[in-house]
Amino acid sequence: MSFLARIAHRSVTGLVRLACRLALAGLAVITYPVFSPRALPVVLSMSVGQALGVGAFFVYLLAVVLDVARREPGLTDAVGPPSIRSPRAPEP
């Protein structure tokens, strides 16, 4: 099975969870210099944290693209009430 086929068969929920885990890991790495304020940890944490954050963004974007691609045409996920048309006033 190719890499693209494996990605296409992954569930959207799993990809969103992976994106959340990557984002939380990136935030944890970025906050490390608060507890160890030296030059090298600051530079490394910002680089690694940014890489994890960008990775999380692209995984989430992939989940959105896969979700949109799997939808059937014509279906809507409207959350609000259906639109109500007011009756037309009779023309004079």
C-alpha atoms as a PDB file:
ATOM      1  CA  MET A   1       0.000   0.000   0.000  1.00  0.00           C
ATOM      2  CA  SER A   2       1.462   3.363  -0.986  1.00  0.00           C
ATOM      3  CA  PHE A   3       1.893   6.340   1.317  1.00  0.00           C
ATOM      4  CA  LEU A   4      -0.880   8.341  -0.364  1.00  0.00           C
ATOM      5  CA  ALA A   5      -3.297   5.410  -0.143  1.00  0.00           C
ATOM      6  CA  ARG A   6      -2.574   5.082   3.576  1.00  0.00           C
ATOM      7  CA  ILE A   7      -3.269   8.793   4.104  1.00  0.00           C
ATOM      8  CA  ALA A   8      -6.495   8.619   2.096  1.00  0.00           C
ATOM      9  CA  HIS A   9      -7.786   5.734   4.230  1.00  0.00           C
ATOM     10  CA  ARG A  10      -7.050   7.384   7.578  1.00  0.00           C
ATOM     11  CA  SER A  11     -10.005   8.708   9.440  1.00  0.00           C
ATOM     12  CA  VAL A  12     -10.511  12.445   9.656  1.00  0.00           C
ATOM     13  CA  THR A  13     -11.008  12.172  13.413  1.00  0.00           C
ATOM     14  CA  GLY A  14      -7.645  10.447  13.787  1.00  0.00           C
ATOM     15  CA  LEU A  15      -5.928  13.158  11.771  1.00  0.00           C
ATOM     16  CA  VAL A  16      -7.516  15.905  13.876  1.00  0.00           C
ATOM     17  CA  ARG A  17      -6.400  14.136  17.055  1.00  0.00           C
ATOM     18  CA  LEU A  18      -2.872  13.862  15.661  1.00  0.00           C
ATOM     19  CA  ALA A  19      -2.912  17.585  14.837  1.00  0.00           C
ATOM     20  CA  CYS A  20      -4.019  18.376  18.399  1.00  0.00           C
ATOM     21  CA  ARG A  21      -1.267  16.221  19.882  1.00  0.00           C
ATOM     22  CA  LEU A  22       1.353  17.864  17.672  1.00  0.00           C
ATOM     23  CA  ALA A  23       0.116  21.327  18.622  1.00  0.00           C
ATOM     24  CA  LEU A  24       0.195  20.516  22.346  1.00  0.00           C
ATOM     25  CA  ALA A  25       3.688  19.063  22.013  1.00  0.00           C
ATOM     26  CA  GLY A  26       4.782  22.223  20.190  1.00  0.00           C
ATOM     27  CA  LEU A  27       3.353  24.404  22.957  1.00  0.00           C
ATOM     28  CA  ALA A  28       5.121  22.329  25.611  1.00  0.00           C
ATOM     29  CA  VAL A  29       8.438  22.659  23.784  1.00  0.00           C
ATOM     30  CA  ILE A  30       7.976  26.397  23.317  1.00  0.00           C
ATOM     31  CA  THR A  31       7.255  26.958  27.029  1.00  0.00           C
ATOM     32  CA  TYR A  32      10.380  25.067  28.175  1.00  0.00           C
ATOM     33  CA  PRO A  33      12.608  28.196  28.197  1.00  0.00           C
ATOM     34  CA  VAL A  34      10.328  29.740  30.831  1.00  0.00           C
ATOM     35  CA  PHE A  35      11.826  27.221  33.259  1.00  0.00           C
ATOM     36  CA  SER A  36      15.329  27.222  31.775  1.00  0.00           C
ATOM     37  CA  PRO A  37      15.993  30.755  30.421  1.00  0.00           C
ATOM     38  CA  ARG A  38      19.309  30.217  28.653  1.00  0.00           C
ATOM     39  CA  ALA A  39      20.176  31.116  25.077  1.00  0.00           C
ATOM     40  CA  LEU A  40      20.487  27.675  23.498  1.00  0.00           C
ATOM     41  CA  PRO A  41      17.241  26.221  24.922  1.00  0.00           C
ATOM     42  CA  VAL A  42      15.373  29.326  23.769  1.00  0.00           C
ATOM     43  CA  VAL A  43      16.628  29.039  20.199  1.00  0.00           C
ATOM     44  CA  LEU A  44      16.126  25.277  20.016  1.00  0.00           C
ATOM     45  CA  SER A  45      12.675  25.352  21.568  1.00  0.00           C
ATOM     46  CA  MET A  46      11.462  28.053  19.224  1.00  0.00           C
ATOM     47  CA  SER A  47      12.726  26.132  16.193  1.00  0.00           C
ATOM     48  CA  VAL A  48      11.402  22.733  17.262  1.00  0.00           C
ATOM     49  CA  GLY A  49       8.150  24.234  18.563  1.00  0.00           C
ATOM     50  CA  GLN A  50       7.567  26.067  15.305  1.00  0.00           C
ATOM     51  CA  ALA A  51       8.232  22.890  13.314  1.00  0.00           C
ATOM     52  CA  LEU A  52       5.711  20.972  15.435  1.00  0.00           C
ATOM     53  CA  GLY A  53       3.161  23.770  15.067  1.00  0.00           C
ATOM     54  CA  VAL A  54       3.550  23.901  11.294  1.00  0.00           C
ATOM     55  CA  GLY A  55       3.254  20.120  11.149  1.00  0.00           C
ATOM     56  CA  ALA A  56       0.058  20.285  13.210  1.00  0.00           C
ATOM     57  CA  PHE A  57      -1.365  22.897  10.857  1.00  0.00           C
ATOM     58  CA  PHE A  58      -0.674  20.811   7.763  1.00  0.00           C
ATOM     59  CA  VAL A  59      -2.120  17.641   9.330  1.00  0.00           C
ATOM     60  CA  TYR A  60      -5.269  19.584  10.221  1.00  0.00           C
ATOM     61  CA  LEU A  61      -5.427  21.031   6.704  1.00  0.00           C
ATOM     62  CA  LEU A  62      -5.130  17.505   5.301  1.00  0.00           C
ATOM     63  CA  ALA A  63      -8.024  16.399   7.527  1.00  0.00           C
ATOM     64  CA  VAL A  64     -10.182  19.246   6.224  1.00  0.00           C
ATOM     65  CA  VAL A  65      -9.337  18.469   2.595  1.00  0.00           C
ATOM     66  CA  LEU A  66     -10.080  14.756   3.062  1.00  0.00           C
ATOM     67  CA  ASP A  67     -13.366  15.550   4.798  1.00  0.00           C
ATOM     68  CA  VAL A  68     -14.472  17.850   1.979  1.00  0.00           C
ATOM     69  CA  ALA A  69     -13.369  15.360  -0.693  1.00  0.00           C
ATOM     70  CA  ARG A  70     -15.357  12.508   0.889  1.00  0.00           C
ATOM     71  CA  ARG A  71     -18.635  14.393   1.084  1.00  0.00           C
ATOM     72  CA  GLU A  72     -21.362  13.624  -1.385  1.00  0.00           C
ATOM     73  CA  PRO A  73     -22.257  16.505  -3.685  1.00  0.00           C
ATOM     74  CA  GLY A  74     -25.395  18.362  -2.737  1.00  0.00           C
ATOM     75  CA  LEU A  75     -25.256  17.583   0.984  1.00  0.00           C
ATOM     76  CA  THR A  76     -25.106  20.456   3.399  1.00  0.00           C
ATOM     77  CA  ASP A  77     -24.351  20.462   7.105  1.00  0.00           C
ATOM     78  CA  ALA A  78     -26.497  23.441   7.943  1.00  0.00           C
ATOM     79  CA  VAL A  79     -26.713  23.827  11.706  1.00  0.00           C
ATOM     80  CA  GLY A  80     -29.317  26.549  11.869  1.00  0.00           C
ATOM     81  CA  PRO A  81     -33.022  26.349  11.174  1.00  0.00           C
ATOM     82  CA  PRO A  82     -34.142  26.049   7.572  1.00  0.00           C
ATOM     83  CA  SER A  83     -34.659  29.315   5.811  1.00  0.00           C
ATOM     84  CA  ILE A  84     -38.217  30.533   5.975  1.00  0.00           C
ATOM     85  CA  ARG A  85     -39.512  32.577   3.116  1.00  0.00           C
ATOM     86  CA  SER A  86     -42.109  35.138   3.884  1.00  0.00           C
ATOM     87  CA  PRO A  87     -45.209  34.899   1.733  1.00  0.00           C
ATOM     88  CA  ARG A  88     -45.203  37.305  -1.176  1.00  0.00           C
ATOM     89  CA  ALA A  89     -47.534  40.178  -0.964  1.00  0.00           C
ATOM     90  CA  PRO A  90     -50.104  40.190  -3.742  1.00  0.00           C
ATOM     91  CA  GLU A  91     -49.287  42.562  -6.531  1.00  0.00           C
ATOM     92  CA  PRO A  92     -51.786  45.438  -6.987  1.00  0.00           C
END
